[in-house]
Amino acid sequence: MRVKAEFAVRYKFLSKTRTDRELEAVYEGKSANIGGGGLLLQCQVPKLEWIPDLLLQRMAVGCNLLLPTADLPIKVLTRVAWIEALDEETRSFAVGLKFREITSQDQDAVFRFIIRAQMPS
């Protein structure tokens, strides 16, 4: 089950093989939707040459989800499942992220958020 949801996401690209300076930075994007197994993130990639490594899972994305219903950020390690709507000029794109590592407590917070998002206001 996926729900449309827009909230801030802080993210960092992780690689065991690359040494690019941009790997040190923390970036901020926003979600487009979220489900129990992942989310669609509107974000930027600092280097277009990273895209093959992201798609081939040689790079991961560490995220802090700033859910409006959670007191603390939800920490999750993700992998790129797909990329859509890439704008080469701005290096912005929508990326489907699949959760790889998330604590059961944070997973519960995500499920609670999804349930609340489906309820009529």
N, C-alpha and C. Protein backbone atom coordinates (compact mmCIF):
# COMPACT_ATOMS: atom_id res chain seq x y z
N MET A 1 0.84 -1.18 0.00
CA MET A 1 0.00 0.00 0.00
C MET A 1 0.88 1.24 0.00
N ARG A 2 0.67 2.10 -0.96
CA ARG A 2 1.39 3.37 -1.05
C ARG A 2 0.40 4.51 -0.87
N VAL A 3 0.87 5.57 -0.22
CA VAL A 3 0.04 6.76 -0.08
C VAL A 3 0.85 7.97 -0.55
N LYS A 4 0.14 8.92 -1.15
CA LYS A 4 0.79 10.17 -1.51
C LYS A 4 1.13 10.89 -0.22
N ALA A 5 2.36 11.33 -0.12
CA ALA A 5 2.79 12.02 1.09
C ALA A 5 4.02 12.85 0.77
N GLU A 6 3.95 14.12 1.14
CA GLU A 6 5.08 15.00 0.91
C GLU A 6 5.67 15.42 2.26
N PHE A 7 6.91 15.03 2.48
CA PHE A 7 7.63 15.43 3.70
C PHE A 7 9.12 15.49 3.36
N ALA A 8 9.87 16.18 4.19
CA ALA A 8 11.30 16.35 3.94
C ALA A 8 12.05 15.05 4.19
N VAL A 9 13.06 14.83 3.37
CA VAL A 9 13.93 13.66 3.51
C VAL A 9 15.37 14.16 3.39
N ARG A 10 16.17 13.87 4.40
CA ARG A 10 17.61 14.14 4.31
C ARG A 10 18.27 12.85 3.87
N TYR A 11 19.19 12.94 2.92
CA TYR A 11 19.78 11.72 2.39
C TYR A 11 21.26 11.90 2.09
N LYS A 12 21.95 10.78 2.07
CA LYS A 12 23.40 10.75 1.83
C LYS A 12 23.69 9.54 0.96
N PHE A 13 24.52 9.74 -0.04
CA PHE A 13 24.93 8.64 -0.91
C PHE A 13 26.08 7.89 -0.25
N LEU A 14 26.02 6.56 -0.30
CA LEU A 14 27.01 5.72 0.37
C LEU A 14 27.66 4.78 -0.65
N SER A 15 28.98 4.71 -0.60
CA SER A 15 29.71 3.84 -1.53
C SER A 15 30.96 3.31 -0.85
N LYS A 16 31.25 2.04 -1.10
CA LYS A 16 32.48 1.44 -0.58
C LYS A 16 33.63 1.61 -1.56
N THR A 17 33.32 1.97 -2.80
CA THR A 17 34.37 2.03 -3.82
C THR A 17 34.68 3.45 -4.29
N ARG A 18 33.72 4.35 -4.22
CA ARG A 18 33.95 5.72 -4.70
C ARG A 18 34.54 6.59 -3.58
N THR A 19 35.30 7.60 -3.97
CA THR A 19 35.89 8.52 -3.00
C THR A 19 35.54 9.97 -3.31
N ASP A 20 34.51 10.19 -4.09
CA ASP A 20 34.12 11.55 -4.48
C ASP A 20 33.84 12.40 -3.24
N ARG A 21 34.26 13.65 -3.32
CA ARG A 21 34.04 14.61 -2.23
C ARG A 21 32.54 14.76 -1.92
N GLU A 22 31.70 14.65 -2.94
CA GLU A 22 30.25 14.84 -2.76
C GLU A 22 29.63 13.77 -1.87
N LEU A 23 30.34 12.67 -1.64
CA LEU A 23 29.81 11.62 -0.75
C LEU A 23 29.77 12.08 0.70
N GLU A 24 30.48 13.14 1.03
CA GLU A 24 30.50 13.64 2.41
C GLU A 24 29.25 14.46 2.73
N ALA A 25 28.60 14.97 1.72
CA ALA A 25 27.48 15.91 1.92
C ALA A 25 26.18 15.19 2.27
N VAL A 26 25.33 15.91 2.99
CA VAL A 26 23.96 15.47 3.26
C VAL A 26 23.06 16.37 2.43
N TYR A 27 22.15 15.78 1.69
CA TYR A 27 21.26 16.51 0.78
C TYR A 27 19.84 16.47 1.33
N GLU A 28 18.99 17.34 0.81
CA GLU A 28 17.60 17.34 1.23
C GLU A 28 16.69 17.29 0.02
N GLY A 29 15.71 16.40 0.08
CA GLY A 29 14.71 16.26 -0.96
C GLY A 29 13.35 16.15 -0.31
N LYS A 30 12.37 15.71 -1.10
CA LYS A 30 11.03 15.52 -0.52
C LYS A 30 10.42 14.26 -1.11
N SER A 31 9.60 13.65 -0.31
CA SER A 31 8.93 12.43 -0.75
C SER A 31 7.76 12.79 -1.66
N ALA A 32 7.39 11.85 -2.52
CA ALA A 32 6.18 11.98 -3.33
C ALA A 32 5.14 10.98 -2.84
N ASN A 33 5.62 9.79 -2.45
CA ASN A 33 4.73 8.79 -1.86
C ASN A 33 5.57 7.83 -1.02
N ILE A 34 4.88 7.07 -0.18
CA ILE A 34 5.57 6.13 0.70
C ILE A 34 4.70 4.90 0.89
N GLY A 35 5.36 3.77 1.04
CA GLY A 35 4.70 2.51 1.35
C GLY A 35 5.51 1.79 2.41
N GLY A 36 5.07 0.63 2.81
CA GLY A 36 5.77 -0.12 3.84
C GLY A 36 7.15 -0.59 3.44
N GLY A 37 7.41 -0.66 2.13
CA GLY A 37 8.69 -1.17 1.66
C GLY A 37 9.61 -0.15 1.03
N GLY A 38 9.15 1.11 0.93
CA GLY A 38 10.00 2.12 0.32
C GLY A 38 9.27 3.42 0.04
N LEU A 39 9.93 4.31 -0.70
CA LEU A 39 9.33 5.60 -1.01
C LEU A 39 9.82 6.11 -2.36
N LEU A 40 9.08 7.07 -2.89
CA LEU A 40 9.49 7.78 -4.10
C LEU A 40 10.02 9.13 -3.64
N LEU A 41 11.28 9.40 -3.95
CA LEU A 41 11.96 10.60 -3.47
C LEU A 41 12.27 11.53 -4.64
N GLN A 42 11.89 12.80 -4.50
CA GLN A 42 12.26 13.85 -5.45
C GLN A 42 13.57 14.43 -4.93
N CYS A 43 14.65 14.29 -5.71
CA CYS A 43 15.95 14.71 -5.18
C CYS A 43 16.90 15.05 -6.31
N GLN A 44 18.14 15.33 -5.93
CA GLN A 44 19.19 15.60 -6.90
C GLN A 44 20.32 14.62 -6.68
N VAL A 45 20.99 14.29 -7.76
CA VAL A 45 22.19 13.46 -7.69
C VAL A 45 23.36 14.38 -8.05
N PRO A 46 24.38 14.47 -7.20
CA PRO A 46 25.47 15.40 -7.46
C PRO A 46 26.23 15.11 -8.75
N LYS A 47 26.35 13.84 -9.11
CA LYS A 47 27.10 13.47 -10.31
C LYS A 47 26.29 12.46 -11.12
N LEU A 48 26.03 12.80 -12.38
CA LEU A 48 25.27 11.90 -13.24
C LEU A 48 25.98 10.55 -13.41
N GLU A 49 27.29 10.53 -13.30
CA GLU A 49 28.04 9.27 -13.46
C GLU A 49 27.75 8.28 -12.33
N TRP A 50 27.11 8.73 -11.26
CA TRP A 50 26.74 7.82 -10.16
C TRP A 50 25.53 6.96 -10.52
N ILE A 51 24.74 7.38 -11.50
CA ILE A 51 23.47 6.69 -11.78
C ILE A 51 23.66 5.20 -12.07
N PRO A 52 24.60 4.78 -12.90
CA PRO A 52 24.77 3.32 -13.08
C PRO A 52 25.08 2.60 -11.76
N ASP A 53 25.94 3.19 -10.92
CA ASP A 53 26.25 2.56 -9.63
C ASP A 53 25.02 2.48 -8.73
N LEU A 54 24.19 3.51 -8.78
CA LEU A 54 22.95 3.49 -7.99
C LEU A 54 22.02 2.38 -8.48
N LEU A 55 21.84 2.30 -9.79
CA LEU A 55 20.94 1.30 -10.36
C LEU A 55 21.47 -0.13 -10.19
N LEU A 56 22.78 -0.29 -10.21
CA LEU A 56 23.38 -1.62 -10.05
C LEU A 56 23.65 -1.95 -8.58
N GLN A 57 23.20 -1.10 -7.70
CA GLN A 57 23.30 -1.29 -6.25
C GLN A 57 24.73 -1.36 -5.74
N ARG A 58 25.62 -0.66 -6.44
CA ARG A 58 26.99 -0.50 -5.94
C ARG A 58 27.06 0.70 -5.00
N MET A 59 25.97 1.47 -4.96
CA MET A 59 25.84 2.58 -4.02
C MET A 59 24.50 2.42 -3.32
N ALA A 60 24.45 2.86 -2.08
CA ALA A 60 23.21 2.86 -1.31
C ALA A 60 22.87 4.31 -0.97
N VAL A 61 21.68 4.51 -0.42
CA VAL A 61 21.26 5.84 0.00
C VAL A 61 20.78 5.73 1.45
N GLY A 62 21.45 6.44 2.33
CA GLY A 62 21.01 6.52 3.72
C GLY A 62 20.06 7.69 3.86
N CYS A 63 18.90 7.46 4.48
CA CYS A 63 17.87 8.50 4.57
C CYS A 63 17.42 8.73 6.00
N ASN A 64 17.09 9.97 6.29
CA ASN A 64 16.35 10.34 7.48
C ASN A 64 15.01 10.87 7.00
N LEU A 65 13.94 10.13 7.29
CA LEU A 65 12.59 10.53 6.89
C LEU A 65 12.03 11.42 7.99
N LEU A 66 11.64 12.63 7.64
CA LEU A 66 11.11 13.57 8.62
C LEU A 66 9.59 13.54 8.55
N LEU A 67 9.03 12.42 9.04
CA LEU A 67 7.58 12.25 9.02
C LEU A 67 6.93 13.25 9.96
N PRO A 68 5.85 13.89 9.53
CA PRO A 68 5.19 14.87 10.41
C PRO A 68 4.59 14.24 11.66
N THR A 69 4.37 12.94 11.66
CA THR A 69 3.78 12.26 12.82
C THR A 69 4.82 11.69 13.77
N ALA A 70 6.10 11.80 13.43
CA ALA A 70 7.16 11.21 14.27
C ALA A 70 7.96 12.31 14.96
N ASP A 71 8.31 12.07 16.22
CA ASP A 71 9.10 13.04 16.97
C ASP A 71 10.55 13.10 16.49
N LEU A 72 11.08 11.95 16.09
CA LEU A 72 12.47 11.85 15.65
C LEU A 72 12.51 11.38 14.20
N PRO A 73 13.59 11.69 13.48
CA PRO A 73 13.70 11.19 12.11
C PRO A 73 13.70 9.66 12.07
N ILE A 74 13.11 9.11 11.02
CA ILE A 74 13.12 7.67 10.78
C ILE A 74 14.37 7.39 9.96
N LYS A 75 15.27 6.58 10.50
CA LYS A 75 16.53 6.27 9.80
C LYS A 75 16.37 4.98 9.03
N VAL A 76 16.77 5.04 7.75
CA VAL A 76 16.62 3.86 6.90
C VAL A 76 17.75 3.82 5.86
N LEU A 77 18.24 2.64 5.63
CA LEU A 77 19.20 2.42 4.55
C LEU A 77 18.41 1.89 3.37
N THR A 78 18.61 2.49 2.20
CA THR A 78 17.81 2.12 1.03
C THR A 78 18.71 1.76 -0.15
N ARG A 79 18.09 1.13 -1.13
CA ARG A 79 18.73 0.91 -2.42
C ARG A 79 17.82 1.49 -3.49
N VAL A 80 18.41 1.90 -4.58
CA VAL A 80 17.63 2.46 -5.69
C VAL A 80 16.98 1.31 -6.45
N ALA A 81 15.66 1.36 -6.57
CA ALA A 81 14.92 0.35 -7.31
C ALA A 81 14.67 0.81 -8.75
N TRP A 82 14.43 2.10 -8.93
CA TRP A 82 14.22 2.66 -10.27
C TRP A 82 14.44 4.16 -10.23
N ILE A 83 14.65 4.72 -11.40
CA ILE A 83 14.80 6.17 -11.56
C ILE A 83 13.85 6.61 -12.65
N GLU A 84 13.16 7.71 -12.40
CA GLU A 84 12.26 8.26 -13.42
C GLU A 84 12.41 9.77 -13.45
N ALA A 85 12.00 10.35 -14.53
CA ALA A 85 11.94 11.81 -14.68
C ALA A 85 13.27 12.50 -14.41
N LEU A 86 14.34 12.00 -15.00
CA LEU A 86 15.66 12.60 -14.82
C LEU A 86 15.77 13.87 -15.65
N ASP A 87 16.16 14.97 -15.02
CA ASP A 87 16.45 16.23 -15.71
C ASP A 87 17.96 16.42 -15.67
N GLU A 88 18.63 16.16 -16.78
CA GLU A 88 20.09 16.21 -16.81
C GLU A 88 20.65 17.59 -16.48
N GLU A 89 19.92 18.64 -16.85
CA GLU A 89 20.42 19.99 -16.62
C GLU A 89 20.50 20.31 -15.13
N THR A 90 19.46 19.98 -14.39
CA THR A 90 19.44 20.28 -12.95
C THR A 90 19.89 19.10 -12.11
N ARG A 91 20.09 17.94 -12.73
CA ARG A 91 20.46 16.69 -12.05
C ARG A 91 19.40 16.29 -11.02
N SER A 92 18.16 16.71 -11.25
CA SER A 92 17.08 16.32 -10.34
C SER A 92 16.29 15.18 -10.96
N PHE A 93 15.77 14.33 -10.10
CA PHE A 93 15.03 13.19 -10.59
C PHE A 93 14.15 12.62 -9.49
N ALA A 94 13.27 11.74 -9.89
CA ALA A 94 12.45 10.99 -8.93
C ALA A 94 13.07 9.60 -8.86
N VAL A 95 13.32 9.15 -7.66
CA VAL A 95 13.98 7.86 -7.49
C VAL A 95 13.16 6.99 -6.54
N GLY A 96 12.89 5.77 -6.98
CA GLY A 96 12.21 4.80 -6.14
C GLY A 96 13.22 4.13 -5.23
N LEU A 97 13.04 4.28 -3.94
CA LEU A 97 13.96 3.70 -2.96
C LEU A 97 13.29 2.55 -2.23
N LYS A 98 13.98 1.44 -2.14
CA LYS A 98 13.48 0.27 -1.41
C LYS A 98 14.23 0.19 -0.09
N PHE A 99 13.47 0.01 1.00
CA PHE A 99 14.10 -0.10 2.32
C PHE A 99 14.94 -1.37 2.39
N ARG A 100 16.20 -1.25 2.79
CA ARG A 100 17.08 -2.40 3.00
C ARG A 100 17.25 -2.69 4.48
N GLU A 101 17.44 -1.62 5.25
CA GLU A 101 17.61 -1.77 6.70
C GLU A 101 16.79 -0.70 7.39
N ILE A 102 15.91 -1.16 8.28
CA ILE A 102 15.08 -0.26 9.07
C ILE A 102 14.73 -1.00 10.36
N THR A 103 14.79 -0.31 11.48
CA THR A 103 14.45 -0.98 12.74
C THR A 103 12.96 -1.28 12.77
N SER A 104 12.57 -2.25 13.56
CA SER A 104 11.14 -2.58 13.66
C SER A 104 10.36 -1.40 14.24
N GLN A 105 10.97 -0.65 15.14
CA GLN A 105 10.31 0.52 15.72
C GLN A 105 10.07 1.58 14.64
N ASP A 106 11.06 1.83 13.80
CA ASP A 106 10.89 2.80 12.72
C ASP A 106 9.92 2.29 11.66
N GLN A 107 9.94 0.98 11.39
CA GLN A 107 8.98 0.39 10.45
C GLN A 107 7.56 0.59 10.96
N ASP A 108 7.35 0.40 12.26
CA ASP A 108 6.03 0.63 12.86
C ASP A 108 5.61 2.09 12.69
N ALA A 109 6.54 3.03 12.87
CA ALA A 109 6.22 4.45 12.71
C ALA A 109 5.81 4.74 11.26
N VAL A 110 6.46 4.11 10.30
CA VAL A 110 6.09 4.28 8.89
C VAL A 110 4.68 3.74 8.66
N PHE A 111 4.39 2.55 9.17
CA PHE A 111 3.05 1.97 9.00
C PHE A 111 1.97 2.84 9.65
N ARG A 112 2.26 3.38 10.84
CA ARG A 112 1.29 4.27 11.51
C ARG A 112 1.04 5.50 10.65
N PHE A 113 2.10 6.06 10.07
CA PHE A 113 1.96 7.22 9.21
C PHE A 113 1.08 6.90 8.00
N ILE A 114 1.31 5.74 7.38
CA ILE A 114 0.53 5.33 6.21
C ILE A 114 -0.95 5.17 6.57
N ILE A 115 -1.22 4.54 7.70
CA ILE A 115 -2.61 4.35 8.14
C ILE A 115 -3.28 5.69 8.38
N ARG A 116 -2.59 6.61 9.08
CA ARG A 116 -3.17 7.93 9.34
C ARG A 116 -3.40 8.71 8.05
N ALA A 117 -2.50 8.55 7.08
CA ALA A 117 -2.63 9.28 5.81
C ALA A 117 -3.85 8.82 5.02
N GLN A 118 -4.31 7.60 5.26
CA GLN A 118 -5.48 7.08 4.54
C GLN A 118 -6.80 7.47 5.19
N MET A 119 -6.74 7.93 6.43
CA MET A 119 -7.98 8.28 7.14
C MET A 119 -8.50 9.62 6.64
N PRO A 120 -9.83 9.74 6.57
CA PRO A 120 -10.40 11.03 6.15
C PRO A 120 -10.08 12.11 7.19
N SER A 121 -9.84 13.31 6.71
CA SER A 121 -9.49 14.41 7.63
C SER A 121 -10.69 14.96 8.34
